[in-house]
Protein backbone atom coordinates (compact mmCIF):
# COMPACT_ATOMS: atom_id res chain seq x y z
CA MET A 1 84.57 75.83 110.40
CA GLU A 2 84.35 76.50 106.69
CA LYS A 3 81.23 78.11 105.35
CA LYS A 4 78.82 75.29 104.61
CA THR A 5 75.97 75.65 102.10
CA ASN A 6 73.04 73.22 102.22
CA GLN A 7 69.89 72.90 100.18
CA PHE A 8 66.58 72.30 101.90
CA LYS A 9 65.35 68.81 101.24
CA ALA A 10 62.69 68.58 98.54
CA GLU A 11 59.82 67.84 100.91
CA ILE A 12 60.99 70.59 103.25
CA ALA A 13 61.20 73.11 100.42
CA GLU A 14 57.58 72.28 99.60
CA MET A 15 56.57 72.80 103.21
CA LEU A 16 58.33 76.15 103.45
CA ASP A 17 55.86 77.68 101.02
CA LEU A 18 53.03 76.37 103.20
CA VAL A 19 54.61 77.80 106.35
CA VAL A 20 55.20 81.22 104.85
CA ASN A 21 51.97 81.59 102.89
CA SER A 22 49.31 79.39 104.47
CA LEU A 23 50.15 78.16 107.96
CA TYR A 24 49.44 81.36 109.88
CA SER A 25 46.32 83.47 109.49
CA LYS A 26 48.13 86.74 110.36
CA LYS A 27 51.64 87.83 109.47
CA GLU A 28 52.00 89.57 112.85
CA ILE A 29 52.26 86.10 114.42
CA PHE A 30 55.95 86.03 113.46
CA LEU A 31 56.90 88.13 116.49
CA ARG A 32 54.99 85.89 118.88
CA GLU A 33 56.79 82.84 117.51
CA LEU A 34 60.28 84.32 117.72
CA VAL A 35 59.73 85.75 121.21
CA SER A 36 58.32 82.39 122.32
CA ASN A 37 61.41 80.61 120.99
CA ALA A 38 63.62 83.10 122.83
CA SER A 39 61.69 82.43 126.04
CA ASP A 40 62.16 78.68 125.51
CA ALA A 41 65.90 79.15 125.10
CA ILE A 42 66.12 80.98 128.42
CA ASP A 43 63.96 78.34 130.12
CA ARG A 44 66.33 75.64 128.90
CA ALA A 45 69.39 77.52 130.11
CA LYS A 46 67.86 78.12 133.56
CA TYR A 47 66.80 74.51 133.92
CA LEU A 48 70.11 73.00 132.84
CA SER A 49 72.07 75.43 135.01
CA LEU A 50 70.47 73.91 138.11
CA THR A 51 72.83 70.95 137.70
CA GLN A 52 75.47 72.50 135.42
CA LYS A 53 76.42 75.62 137.35
CA ASP A 54 78.99 76.75 134.78
CA LEU A 55 76.22 77.39 132.21
CA ALA A 56 75.12 80.45 134.17
CA ALA A 57 78.53 81.48 135.50
CA ASP A 58 78.05 84.93 133.96
CA ASN A 59 75.08 85.41 136.32
CA PRO A 60 72.88 86.74 133.54
CA GLU A 61 69.80 88.93 133.87
CA TRP A 62 67.58 86.80 131.68
CA SER A 63 65.91 88.98 129.06
CA ILE A 64 64.75 89.36 125.46
CA GLU A 65 65.42 92.38 123.27
CA VAL A 66 63.73 93.57 120.09
CA ALA A 67 66.02 96.01 118.26
CA VAL A 68 64.97 97.84 115.09
CA ASP A 69 66.95 99.75 112.51
CA LYS A 70 64.65 101.66 110.17
CA THR A 71 67.60 102.88 108.12
CA SER A 72 68.64 99.37 107.14
CA GLY A 73 65.11 97.97 107.42
CA THR A 74 66.02 95.26 109.95
CA MET A 75 64.69 93.83 113.18
CA MET A 76 66.75 91.74 115.58
CA ILE A 77 65.33 89.53 118.35
CA THR A 78 68.00 88.63 120.91
CA ASP A 79 67.97 86.36 123.96
CA ASN A 80 70.69 85.29 126.39
CA GLY A 81 69.41 81.74 126.69
CA ILE A 82 71.01 78.39 125.93
CA GLY A 83 72.25 79.24 122.42
CA MET A 84 73.16 76.76 119.65
CA ASP A 85 76.23 75.19 118.15
CA ALA A 86 76.70 74.15 114.50
CA ASP A 87 74.95 70.83 114.97
CA ASP A 88 71.99 72.51 116.69
CA LEU A 89 71.67 74.95 113.80
CA GLU A 90 71.67 72.07 111.33
CA ASN A 91 69.18 70.01 113.29
CA ASN A 92 66.86 72.77 114.49
CA LEU A 93 66.85 75.24 111.59
CA GLY A 94 67.91 73.04 108.70
CA THR A 95 65.09 70.56 109.19
CA ILE A 96 61.56 71.87 109.50
CA ALA A 97 59.35 70.34 112.20
CA SER A 98 62.41 69.17 114.10
CA SER A 99 62.32 71.10 117.32
CA GLY A 100 65.15 71.39 119.79
CA THR A 101 62.61 72.15 122.48
CA LYS A 102 60.68 69.00 121.65
CA ALA A 103 63.84 66.91 121.79
CA PHE A 104 64.82 68.60 125.05
CA ARG A 105 61.54 67.67 126.70
CA LYS A 106 61.80 64.12 125.39
CA ALA A 107 65.29 63.75 126.83
CA LEU A 108 64.21 65.08 130.22
CA LYS A 109 61.26 62.70 130.35
CA GLU A 110 63.46 59.75 129.49
CA LYS A 111 65.70 60.72 132.40
CA GLY A 112 62.70 60.86 134.71
CA GLY A 113 62.85 64.62 135.19
CA GLU A 114 59.86 65.95 137.09
CA ALA A 115 60.13 69.75 137.29
CA LEU A 116 59.88 70.28 133.55
CA PRO A 117 59.94 73.92 132.52
CA GLU A 118 56.97 75.15 130.53
CA LEU A 119 58.49 75.23 127.06
CA ILE A 120 56.52 76.66 124.21
CA GLY A 121 58.04 75.57 120.90
CA GLN A 122 56.84 72.05 120.19
CA PHE A 123 57.02 71.75 116.42
CA GLY A 124 60.08 73.53 115.02
CA VAL A 125 58.15 75.60 112.46
CA GLY A 126 57.66 78.80 114.45
CA PHE A 127 61.08 80.08 113.42
CA TYR A 128 60.09 80.00 109.75
CA ALA A 129 57.24 82.42 110.41
CA ALA A 130 60.01 85.03 110.12
CA PHE A 131 59.93 84.60 106.35
CA MET A 132 56.36 85.91 106.22
CA VAL A 133 57.77 89.39 106.81
CA ALA A 134 61.47 89.05 105.90
CA ASP A 135 63.21 88.20 102.63
CA LYS A 136 66.43 87.22 104.42
CA VAL A 137 67.09 85.90 107.93
CA ARG A 138 70.42 85.66 109.72
CA VAL A 139 70.94 83.85 113.03
CA VAL A 140 74.07 84.41 115.13
CA THR A 141 74.35 82.21 118.19
CA LYS A 142 76.76 81.01 120.87
CA LYS A 143 75.91 78.03 123.02
CA ARG A 144 76.46 78.20 126.77
CA GLY A 145 79.35 76.02 127.86
CA THR A 146 81.18 76.49 124.56
CA SER A 147 83.52 79.14 123.12
CA ALA A 148 82.59 79.20 119.43
CA ALA A 149 79.86 81.20 117.75
CA PHE A 150 78.07 80.29 114.53
CA GLN A 151 75.85 81.87 111.92
CA TRP A 152 72.89 80.47 109.98
CA GLU A 153 71.60 82.45 107.01
CA SER A 154 68.97 81.97 104.32
CA ASP A 155 66.86 83.91 101.84
CA MET A 156 64.58 80.90 101.23
CA THR A 157 65.68 80.56 97.59
CA GLY A 158 69.15 79.01 97.68
CA GLY A 159 68.97 76.84 100.78
CA TYR A 160 70.91 77.98 103.83
CA THR A 161 74.50 78.48 104.96
CA ILE A 162 76.18 77.74 108.29
CA SER A 163 79.50 79.39 109.10
CA ASP A 164 81.71 80.67 111.92
CA ALA A 165 80.74 83.96 113.51
CA GLU A 166 81.82 86.46 116.14
CA ARG A 167 79.69 86.87 119.25
CA ALA A 168 80.83 87.88 122.72
CA ASP A 169 77.75 86.89 124.73
CA TYR A 170 75.92 83.61 125.03
CA GLY A 171 72.51 83.28 123.42
CA THR A 172 70.93 83.87 120.03
CA SER A 173 70.19 86.85 117.80
CA ILE A 174 67.82 86.57 114.84
CA MET A 175 68.08 89.40 112.31
CA LEU A 176 65.18 89.89 109.90
CA HIS A 177 65.67 91.91 106.70
CA MET A 178 62.11 93.13 106.43
CA ARG A 179 60.24 93.10 103.14
CA GLU A 180 59.32 96.53 101.80
CA ASP A 181 55.63 96.01 102.51
CA GLN A 182 56.25 94.79 106.09
CA LYS A 183 58.24 97.68 107.54
CA GLU A 184 55.33 98.71 109.75
CA TYR A 185 56.77 96.20 112.23
CA LEU A 186 59.81 98.46 112.73
CA ASP A 187 57.67 100.98 114.61
CA TYR A 188 57.89 100.94 118.42
CA TRP A 189 54.16 101.22 118.97
CA ARG A 190 53.42 98.36 116.56
CA VAL A 191 55.95 96.12 118.29
CA SER A 192 54.69 97.15 121.73
CA ASP A 193 51.09 96.37 120.79
CA LEU A 194 52.04 92.91 119.51
CA VAL A 195 54.03 92.11 122.65
CA LYS A 196 51.09 93.20 124.79
CA LYS A 197 48.70 91.12 122.71
CA TYR A 198 50.65 87.88 122.41
CA SER A 199 53.56 87.84 124.84
CA ASP A 200 52.53 90.02 127.76
CA PHE A 201 52.93 87.18 130.25
CA ILE A 202 56.25 85.76 129.05
CA ALA A 203 58.26 85.42 132.26
CA TYR A 204 61.26 87.49 131.08
CA PRO A 205 61.45 91.21 130.32
CA ILE A 206 61.05 92.06 126.64
CA ARG A 207 62.67 95.41 125.87
CA PHE A 208 62.78 97.55 122.78
CA ARG A 209 65.88 99.28 121.38
CA THR A 210 66.30 101.75 118.53
CA VAL A 211 69.54 101.17 116.61
CA ASP A 212 69.56 104.10 114.18
CA VAL A 213 69.26 106.97 116.65
CA PRO A 214 69.46 110.30 114.78
CA ALA A 215 72.65 112.25 115.49
CA ASP A 216 70.62 115.41 115.91
CA GLU A 217 68.03 113.87 118.24
CA LYS A 218 66.49 116.48 120.51
CA ASP A 219 67.02 116.15 124.26
CA GLU A 220 63.33 115.74 125.02
CA ASP A 221 63.00 113.04 122.32
CA ARG A 222 66.08 111.25 123.63
CA LYS A 223 64.71 111.32 127.17
CA ARG A 224 61.35 109.86 126.10
CA ARG A 225 63.06 107.17 124.02
CA GLU A 226 65.43 106.15 126.81
CA GLU A 227 62.60 106.01 129.33
CA ARG A 228 60.46 103.70 127.21
CA GLU A 229 63.43 101.54 126.19
CA ALA A 230 64.38 101.06 129.83
CA LYS A 231 61.00 99.54 130.64
CA PRO A 232 59.86 96.04 129.65
CA MET A 233 57.03 96.03 127.12
CA ASN A 234 55.44 93.05 128.90
CA THR A 235 54.04 92.71 132.42
CA MET A 236 55.71 89.27 132.84
CA VAL A 237 53.47 87.93 135.60
CA ALA A 238 50.17 86.40 134.53
CA LEU A 239 47.49 87.48 136.97
CA TRP A 240 45.85 84.05 136.89
CA LYS A 241 49.07 82.40 138.07
CA ARG A 242 49.36 84.52 141.21
CA ASN A 243 47.92 83.39 144.53
CA ARG A 244 44.43 84.77 145.10
CA LYS A 245 45.39 86.35 148.42
CA ASP A 246 48.24 88.22 146.73
CA VAL A 247 46.04 89.94 144.17
CA LYS A 248 43.98 93.01 145.00
CA ASP A 249 40.39 93.31 143.81
CA ASP A 250 41.22 96.41 141.79
CA GLU A 251 43.94 94.46 139.94
CA TYR A 252 41.36 91.89 138.91
CA ALA A 253 38.98 94.70 137.95
CA GLU A 254 41.59 96.40 135.78
CA PHE A 255 42.43 93.14 134.02
CA TYR A 256 38.72 92.49 133.44
CA LYS A 257 38.30 95.94 131.89
CA HIS A 258 41.34 95.37 129.68
CA LEU A 259 40.00 91.99 128.59
CA THR A 260 36.37 92.93 127.93
CA HIS A 261 36.38 96.71 127.40
CA ASP A 262 33.57 96.80 129.98
CA TYR A 263 34.32 99.71 132.26
CA ASP A 264 31.80 98.72 134.94
CA GLY A 265 34.10 96.08 136.41
CA PRO A 266 33.11 92.44 137.08
CA PHE A 267 30.15 91.25 139.13
CA GLU A 268 32.03 88.14 140.26
CA THR A 269 35.69 87.09 139.91
CA ILE A 270 36.58 83.38 139.70
CA PRO A 271 40.27 82.43 139.84
CA PHE A 272 40.90 78.69 139.98
CA SER A 273 43.25 75.87 138.98
CA GLY A 274 42.40 72.68 137.16
CA GLU A 275 44.27 69.68 138.52
CA GLY A 276 44.36 65.98 137.83
CA ALA A 277 44.31 64.54 134.31
CA VAL A 278 44.60 68.03 132.79
CA GLU A 279 46.30 70.92 134.54
CA PHE A 280 45.51 74.53 133.75
CA LYS A 281 44.98 77.93 135.32
CA ALA A 282 41.88 80.00 134.71
CA LEU A 283 40.63 83.44 135.63
CA LEU A 284 36.93 83.89 134.92
CA PHE A 285 34.56 86.79 135.37
CA ILE A 286 30.79 87.22 135.48
CA PRO A 287 29.87 90.71 134.20
CA LYS A 288 27.40 92.97 135.94
CA LYS A 289 25.09 93.28 132.97
CA PRO A 290 24.58 91.53 129.63
CA SER A 291 26.38 92.86 126.59
CA MET A 292 24.51 93.88 123.44
CA GLU A 293 25.79 90.89 121.47
CA LEU A 294 24.71 88.24 123.99
CA PHE A 295 21.76 87.16 121.86
CA MET A 296 23.33 87.76 118.44
CA PRO A 297 23.72 84.29 116.86
CA GLN A 298 26.70 85.18 114.66
CA GLN A 299 28.64 86.96 117.39
CA LYS A 300 31.81 85.20 118.51
CA ARG A 301 32.05 84.36 122.19
CA GLY A 302 34.22 82.24 124.44
CA LEU A 303 37.33 82.46 126.58
CA SER A 304 40.80 83.71 125.75
CA LEU A 305 43.33 80.92 125.50
CA TYR A 306 46.97 80.97 126.53
CA VAL A 307 49.34 78.05 126.24
CA ARG A 308 52.31 78.35 128.59
CA ASN A 309 51.76 82.11 128.96
CA VAL A 310 51.58 82.73 125.20
CA PHE A 311 48.35 84.15 123.81
CA ILE A 312 46.76 81.82 121.25
CA GLY A 313 43.40 83.45 120.63
CA ASP A 314 40.26 84.91 122.11
CA ASP A 315 36.64 83.83 121.66
CA ILE A 316 37.60 80.16 121.89
CA GLU A 317 34.06 78.77 121.93
CA MET A 318 35.15 75.17 122.57
CA LEU A 319 36.19 76.08 126.13
CA LEU A 320 32.73 77.16 127.24
CA PRO A 321 29.16 75.85 126.72
CA THR A 322 26.85 78.25 124.90
CA TRP A 323 24.62 78.67 127.94
CA LEU A 324 27.57 80.16 129.85
CA ARG A 325 28.53 82.54 127.06
CA PHE A 326 28.14 85.51 129.39
CA VAL A 327 31.27 84.33 131.29
CA LYS A 328 34.49 86.12 130.32
CA GLY A 329 38.08 85.26 131.13
CA VAL A 330 41.20 83.31 130.25
CA VAL A 331 42.43 79.72 130.37
CA ASP A 332 46.16 78.94 130.39
CA SER A 333 47.14 75.32 129.84
CA SER A 334 50.52 73.62 129.84
CA ASP A 335 49.06 70.36 128.56
CA LEU A 336 47.16 71.61 125.55
CA PRO A 337 48.55 70.42 122.23
CA LEU A 338 48.12 72.77 119.26
CA ASN A 339 48.57 72.25 115.59
CA VAL A 340 51.87 73.34 114.07
CA SER A 341 50.81 76.97 113.70
CA ARG A 342 49.72 77.17 117.36
CA GLU A 343 46.50 78.72 116.12
CA MET A 344 44.11 75.74 116.19
CA LEU A 345 43.31 73.38 119.01
CA GLN A 346 44.32 69.82 118.32
CA ASP A 347 43.30 67.51 121.17
CA ASP A 348 39.52 67.34 121.58
CA ALA A 349 39.84 65.16 124.71
CA VAL A 350 41.93 67.75 126.54
CA ILE A 351 39.62 70.57 125.47
CA ALA A 352 36.59 68.58 126.64
CA LYS A 353 38.17 68.10 130.08
CA ILE A 354 38.98 71.79 130.40
CA LYS A 355 35.45 72.72 129.30
CA SER A 356 33.95 70.30 131.83
CA ALA A 357 36.09 71.70 134.65
CA VAL A 358 35.26 75.30 133.75
CA THR A 359 31.53 74.48 133.57
CA SER A 360 31.54 72.70 136.92
CA LYS A 361 33.44 75.55 138.57
CA VAL A 362 31.04 78.21 137.34
CA LEU A 363 28.07 76.13 138.49
CA SER A 364 29.66 75.75 141.94
CA VAL A 365 30.13 79.52 142.17
CA LEU A 366 26.49 80.08 141.19
CA GLU A 367 25.36 77.50 143.75
CA ASP A 368 27.24 79.44 146.44
CA LEU A 369 25.88 82.71 145.11
CA LYS A 370 22.38 81.25 145.32
CA LYS A 371 22.62 81.41 149.12
CA LYS A 372 23.12 85.19 149.00
CA GLY A 373 19.53 86.18 148.19
CA GLU A 374 19.44 89.58 146.54
CA ARG A 375 22.91 89.21 145.05
CA TYR A 376 21.82 86.07 143.21
CA ASP A 377 18.66 87.83 142.09
CA GLU A 378 20.85 90.54 140.57
CA PHE A 379 22.80 87.91 138.64
CA PHE A 380 19.70 85.99 137.54
CA GLY A 381 17.95 89.14 136.39
CA ALA A 382 20.89 89.81 134.07
CA PHE A 383 21.72 86.30 132.82
CA GLY A 384 18.90 83.95 133.82
CA THR A 385 17.57 83.76 130.27
CA VAL A 386 20.91 82.46 128.97
CA LEU A 387 21.38 80.09 131.91
CA LYS A 388 18.00 78.49 131.21
CA GLU A 389 19.21 77.36 127.77
CA GLY A 390 21.43 74.81 129.50
CA VAL A 391 18.40 72.75 130.54
CA HIS A 392 17.57 72.22 126.88
CA VAL A 393 21.06 71.64 125.42
CA ASP A 394 23.17 70.16 128.24
CA TRP A 395 21.74 66.96 129.66
CA GLU A 396 24.87 66.34 131.75
CA HIS A 397 24.36 69.49 133.83
CA ALA A 398 20.60 69.92 133.41
CA ASP A 399 19.70 68.88 136.97
CA ARG A 400 22.19 71.33 138.50
CA ILE A 401 20.98 74.12 136.23
CA LYS A 402 17.32 73.49 137.13
CA LYS A 403 18.13 74.11 140.79
CA LEU A 404 19.52 77.54 139.85
CA LEU A 405 16.42 78.70 137.98
CA LYS A 406 13.92 81.16 139.46
CA TYR A 407 10.44 81.99 138.25
CA PRO A 408 7.68 84.41 139.20
CA THR A 409 4.53 82.64 140.38
CA ALA A 410 0.87 83.48 140.66
CA ARG A 411 1.34 84.06 144.41
CA THR A 412 4.52 86.14 144.40
CA ASP A 413 4.58 89.90 144.14
CA ALA A 414 5.49 91.40 140.77
CA GLY A 415 9.24 91.28 140.19
CA LYS A 416 9.82 88.44 142.69
CA ARG A 417 10.93 84.92 141.77
CA VAL A 418 11.16 81.59 143.57
CA PHE A 419 13.47 78.60 143.14
CA LEU A 420 11.83 75.40 141.94
CA GLU A 421 12.77 73.59 145.13
CA ASP A 422 10.94 76.26 147.17
CA TYR A 423 7.91 75.88 144.94
CA VAL A 424 7.93 72.13 145.60
CA LYS A 425 8.16 72.66 149.37
CA ASP A 426 5.06 74.87 149.26
CA MET A 427 2.92 72.58 147.08
CA ALA A 428 -0.65 71.90 148.21
CA PRO A 429 -1.19 68.61 150.12
CA ASP A 430 -2.94 66.85 147.22
CA GLN A 431 -0.82 68.47 144.47
CA LYS A 432 1.22 65.94 142.49
CA ASP A 433 2.44 68.07 139.56
CA ILE A 434 4.24 71.38 139.13
CA TYR A 435 1.91 73.79 137.33
CA TYR A 436 2.94 76.55 134.95
CA ILE A 437 1.39 78.85 132.39
CA VAL A 438 3.02 80.50 129.36
CA ALA A 439 2.42 84.16 128.47
CA GLU A 440 4.30 86.99 126.80
CA ARG A 441 3.97 89.29 129.80
CA GLU A 442 3.86 88.58 133.50
CA ASP A 443 0.77 90.75 133.96
CA ASP A 444 -1.11 88.73 131.34
CA ALA A 445 -0.11 85.49 133.06
CA ARG A 446 -1.30 86.72 136.46
CA ARG A 447 -4.70 87.64 135.02
CA ALA A 448 -5.14 84.42 133.02
CA PRO A 449 -8.51 82.77 133.76
CA GLN A 450 -6.84 79.34 133.57
CA LEU A 451 -5.33 80.06 137.02
CA GLU A 452 -8.67 80.16 138.78
CA LYS A 453 -9.21 76.51 139.71
CA ALA A 454 -5.55 76.15 140.72
CA ARG A 455 -5.98 79.06 143.13
CA LYS A 456 -9.18 77.56 144.52
CA HIS A 457 -7.29 74.36 145.40
CA GLY A 458 -4.33 76.22 146.95
CA CYS A 459 -1.95 75.41 144.07
CA ASP A 460 0.64 77.98 143.00
CA VAL A 461 1.52 78.33 139.30
CA LEU A 462 4.88 79.17 137.73
CA LEU A 463 4.68 82.03 135.24
CA PHE A 464 6.73 81.27 132.12
CA CYS A 465 7.07 84.72 130.57
CA ASP A 466 10.65 84.60 129.26
CA PRO A 467 10.85 83.96 125.48
CA VAL A 468 13.06 80.93 126.12
CA ASP A 469 10.73 79.30 128.68
CA GLU A 470 8.39 77.53 126.29
CA TYR A 471 11.30 76.17 124.25
CA LEU A 472 12.59 74.62 127.47
CA THR A 473 9.36 72.72 128.11
CA GLU A 474 10.34 70.33 125.30
CA SER A 475 13.10 68.96 127.56
CA PHE A 476 12.12 70.46 130.92
CA ARG A 477 9.49 67.82 131.70
CA GLU A 478 10.17 67.16 135.39
CA PHE A 479 11.83 68.44 138.54
CA ASP A 480 12.42 66.51 141.73
CA GLY A 481 10.41 63.61 140.32
CA LYS A 482 7.36 65.78 139.59
CA ARG A 483 5.93 66.50 136.14
CA LEU A 484 5.69 70.04 134.80
CA VAL A 485 2.14 70.60 133.57
CA ASP A 486 0.85 73.54 131.54
CA ILE A 487 -2.52 74.48 133.06
CA ALA A 488 -3.59 76.07 129.77
CA LYS A 489 -3.29 72.80 127.86
CA GLY A 490 -5.07 69.49 127.91
CA ASP A 491 -7.42 68.27 130.62
CA VAL A 492 -6.03 69.36 134.00
CA GLN A 493 -7.46 68.02 137.26
CA PHE A 494 -6.99 69.57 140.71
CA GLY A 495 -7.56 68.41 144.26
CA SER A 496 -7.89 64.96 145.79
CA GLU A 497 -9.31 61.95 143.95
CA ALA A 498 -12.60 62.43 145.73
CA GLU A 499 -12.74 66.09 144.70
CA GLN A 500 -11.83 65.23 141.12
CA LYS A 501 -14.59 62.59 141.02
CA ALA A 502 -17.17 65.01 142.38
CA GLU A 503 -16.16 67.72 139.89
CA LYS A 504 -16.25 65.24 137.01
CA GLU A 505 -19.80 64.24 137.89
CA ALA A 506 -20.84 67.87 138.21
CA ASN A 507 -19.29 68.73 134.85
CA GLU A 508 -20.96 65.81 133.14
CA LYS A 509 -24.30 66.91 134.55
CA ALA A 510 -23.69 70.54 133.47
CA ALA A 511 -22.59 69.40 130.02
CA GLY A 512 -25.81 67.44 129.67
CA GLU A 513 -27.90 70.46 130.68
CA LEU A 514 -26.01 72.72 128.24
CA LYS A 515 -25.78 70.20 125.40
CA GLY A 516 -28.01 72.14 123.04
CA PHE A 517 -26.19 75.41 123.69
CA ILE A 518 -22.74 73.75 123.38
CA ASP A 519 -23.72 72.24 120.04
CA THR A 520 -24.88 75.66 118.85
CA VAL A 521 -21.57 77.28 119.86
CA LYS A 522 -19.60 74.50 118.15
CA LYS A 523 -21.45 75.08 114.91
CA GLN A 524 -21.06 78.87 115.06
CA LEU A 525 -17.32 78.73 115.88
CA GLU A 526 -16.39 75.64 113.86
CA LYS A 527 -13.82 77.64 111.86
CA GLU A 528 -12.22 79.07 115.01
CA VAL A 529 -12.18 76.24 117.58
CA ALA A 530 -11.62 72.49 117.60
CA ASP A 531 -14.16 71.83 120.35
CA VAL A 532 -16.38 73.42 122.98
CA ARG A 533 -16.70 71.85 126.43
CA VAL A 534 -17.48 72.52 130.09
CA SER A 535 -14.37 73.74 131.89
CA THR A 536 -12.58 72.01 134.76
CA ARG A 537 -10.32 75.00 135.46
CA LEU A 538 -12.60 78.07 135.71
CA THR A 539 -14.30 79.45 138.80
CA ASP A 540 -14.79 83.20 138.16
CA SER A 541 -14.44 83.77 134.42
CA PRO A 542 -17.14 82.78 131.92
CA CYS A 543 -14.80 81.14 129.41
CA CYS A 544 -11.24 80.55 128.28
CA LEU A 545 -9.28 79.00 125.44
CA VAL A 546 -7.02 76.00 126.00
CA ALA A 547 -4.67 74.14 123.68
CA LYS A 548 -4.16 70.47 123.12
CA GLU A 549 -1.52 68.97 125.39
CA TYR A 550 1.43 69.23 122.98
CA ALA A 551 0.38 72.27 120.96
CA MET A 552 2.28 75.57 120.91
CA SER A 553 0.99 78.39 123.05
CA PRO A 554 -0.49 81.49 121.38
CA SER A 555 2.49 83.58 122.48
CA MET A 556 4.89 81.12 120.82
CA VAL A 557 2.84 81.16 117.61
CA ARG A 558 2.88 84.97 117.54
CA MET A 559 6.61 85.11 118.21
CA MET A 560 7.46 82.59 115.50
CA ARG A 561 5.28 84.37 112.97
CA ALA A 562 6.97 87.65 113.86
CA MET A 563 10.24 85.89 112.97
CA LYS A 564 8.74 85.02 109.56
CA GLN A 565 8.35 81.34 110.48
CA ASP A 566 5.62 79.38 108.73
CA VAL A 567 3.43 78.18 111.61
CA PRO A 568 0.23 76.31 110.68
CA ASP A 569 -3.03 77.29 112.35
CA GLU A 570 -4.03 74.91 115.13
CA LYS A 571 -7.51 75.24 116.52
CA ARG A 572 -7.94 75.31 120.25
CA ILE A 573 -10.72 74.37 122.64
CA LEU A 574 -13.22 76.87 124.05
CA GLU A 575 -14.06 76.00 127.67
CA LEU A 576 -17.23 77.37 129.26
CA ASN A 577 -17.84 77.89 132.97
CA ALA A 578 -21.21 76.18 133.28
CA GLY A 579 -21.95 77.87 136.60
CA HIS A 580 -21.23 81.40 135.46
CA PRO A 581 -24.32 83.69 135.19
CA LEU A 582 -23.14 85.09 131.85
CA VAL A 583 -22.91 81.64 130.26
CA LYS A 584 -26.37 80.81 131.56
CA LYS A 585 -27.67 84.11 130.18
CA VAL A 586 -26.17 83.58 126.71
CA ALA A 587 -27.51 80.02 126.70
CA SER A 588 -31.03 81.41 127.26
CA LEU A 589 -30.85 83.75 124.27
CA THR A 590 -31.96 82.88 120.76
CA GLY A 591 -31.27 83.89 117.19
CA ASP A 592 -28.98 86.82 116.35
CA ALA A 593 -28.81 87.95 119.97
CA GLN A 594 -27.29 84.64 120.99
CA ALA A 595 -24.92 84.59 118.00
CA ASP A 596 -23.62 88.08 118.85
CA ALA A 597 -23.21 87.11 122.49
CA VAL A 598 -21.25 83.98 121.53
CA THR A 599 -18.95 86.14 119.37
CA LEU A 600 -18.34 88.43 122.35
CA LEU A 601 -17.62 85.44 124.60
CA TYR A 602 -15.05 84.07 122.16
CA ASP A 603 -13.42 87.46 121.61
CA SER A 604 -13.23 88.08 125.37
CA ALA A 605 -11.38 84.76 125.73
CA LEU A 606 -8.86 85.91 123.12
CA ILE A 607 -8.36 89.26 124.83
CA ALA A 608 -7.90 87.61 128.24
CA GLU A 609 -4.88 85.65 126.96
CA GLY A 610 -3.37 88.61 125.13
CA SER A 611 -4.37 87.57 121.60
CA PRO A 612 -5.96 89.94 119.07
CA VAL A 613 -9.59 89.49 118.04
CA ALA A 614 -10.23 88.48 114.44
CA ASP A 615 -12.60 91.38 113.64
CA GLY A 616 -11.89 94.40 115.81
CA ALA A 617 -14.54 96.57 114.16
CA LYS A 618 -17.29 94.00 114.75
CA PHE A 619 -16.16 93.53 118.35
CA SER A 620 -16.32 97.29 119.00
CA LYS A 621 -19.76 97.51 117.43
CA LEU A 622 -21.13 94.64 119.52
CA VAL A 623 -19.70 96.13 122.72
CA ALA A 624 -21.21 99.51 121.89
CA GLU A 625 -24.64 97.96 121.26
CA LEU A 626 -24.40 95.99 124.48
CA MET A 627 -23.57 99.15 126.43
CA LEU A 628 -26.54 100.98 124.95
CA LYS A 629 -28.84 98.17 126.06
């Protein structure tokens, strides 16, 4: 054919500037796009040759080659796939966003084809990524089943030309004349790194070749070059696509280390396939210990995403809920549509289905792990704090997450935790609610005077000592149909109805007997407390402080103020144990002696819960005077 020169259509010319300068966030993407197109071309040739045997009569070893010539400043990407004729060049390269791959898939679907190959190029713009790094591109191609070769050439300024060419082998070669500031991509190690990063799991070997070999190359240099050029730069087989029984544990461990840079290896490995409405492969890992950035709000997290074996990006947060951010791994989908640059996810419905499947799978693994006692404790000790967040932010999975949570209790030994369902099984006969108390430290919680009446009635109490625990109580209101009740807030009753009635009558009687003293304490502490009353929850301690039912705990107030949050003061209630000898003694005092004793009572209540006293010097002085007496 005669050399044919065409101008890009006006709207296409406008889009070319977008493709070259704005569509891709990194120029290095050009190699991923061209290698992906080469892989597509081989896929098409293999698929068509199943019914058209003559297309593969040369019995090719399917492969992709990246050849560089530093002397001339060129890179050539070559495949031995389906190739193109003049019409294909016009349709596929002369019109942006018109993809031969897309048309190929459409034709196969119309014919009812079922075993569709996983083809990557869906939009026809990936080829033009070449112009991000090259000022001229030449394509020489020969279509399988034909005898003529053709050339397409463009420098992006004067349109493009299509002409006859010479080519012995079938397939396509794309030569890039690299811009002066982009010649870093002619280095073997740069190319190798990019292939490893983006195209490691392409199913065909990708080899490197040096064109301008020095005439005086030393023997040892020649040997090293030939050895590396003989090997594929890519591994070709995605670990997540292999059968679980065919993969050794150390292979999974090595991949995990490569993926996360965590040299401890994974705690748990989770390979699985998503089937049904959305099909995908995934390989997930639970680490052994939390990383430093786990609680850094601005830190990126998520799974690595591949689409048909091609790396799209890591830290894809949309694939994983925030409360599973400790999970690492990859997802590879054949169904996932991307935008034209393949860098942004496009179909929220597909992403949502993948995210739901990943979440459900991880929960199932944790539910199985739950049966393994100490092994689950090891996991929960590392990631329980993050897992708890799901109760607050994920209503769909909240009930499953609650069953995975463990807490220390007033009865358990230090360092031990129980599941909520086990707590419920061991509830006292007359106990209707699940009791908990909030404290900064487990030791403070165990010593809290508010536990006393619960212990007397045989009721265990959950110890909420994790910083996230109190936040959860806003949404964590019940479990197994039972309310969660903070025993340090509001008016808590224990025991049977008869016991509650008897205690109420006794308290009313005690309150009447102590009315004068209670009024005196109220007046003295009116700036510190909202009320003073006889306690329903103390048996051994003389007094304690309790909050209103929906108020923040002291530990939460201290934490928020440490974070520079403006938290208003909220007065609490001082409860007195009417039967305690010390309360009776203070009630019998008068004047300054009683006032000092009341101050000591109030300060001792603050200290018991882990709060600081308002006037440490005065407290020390009063204690010293009391000791002298």
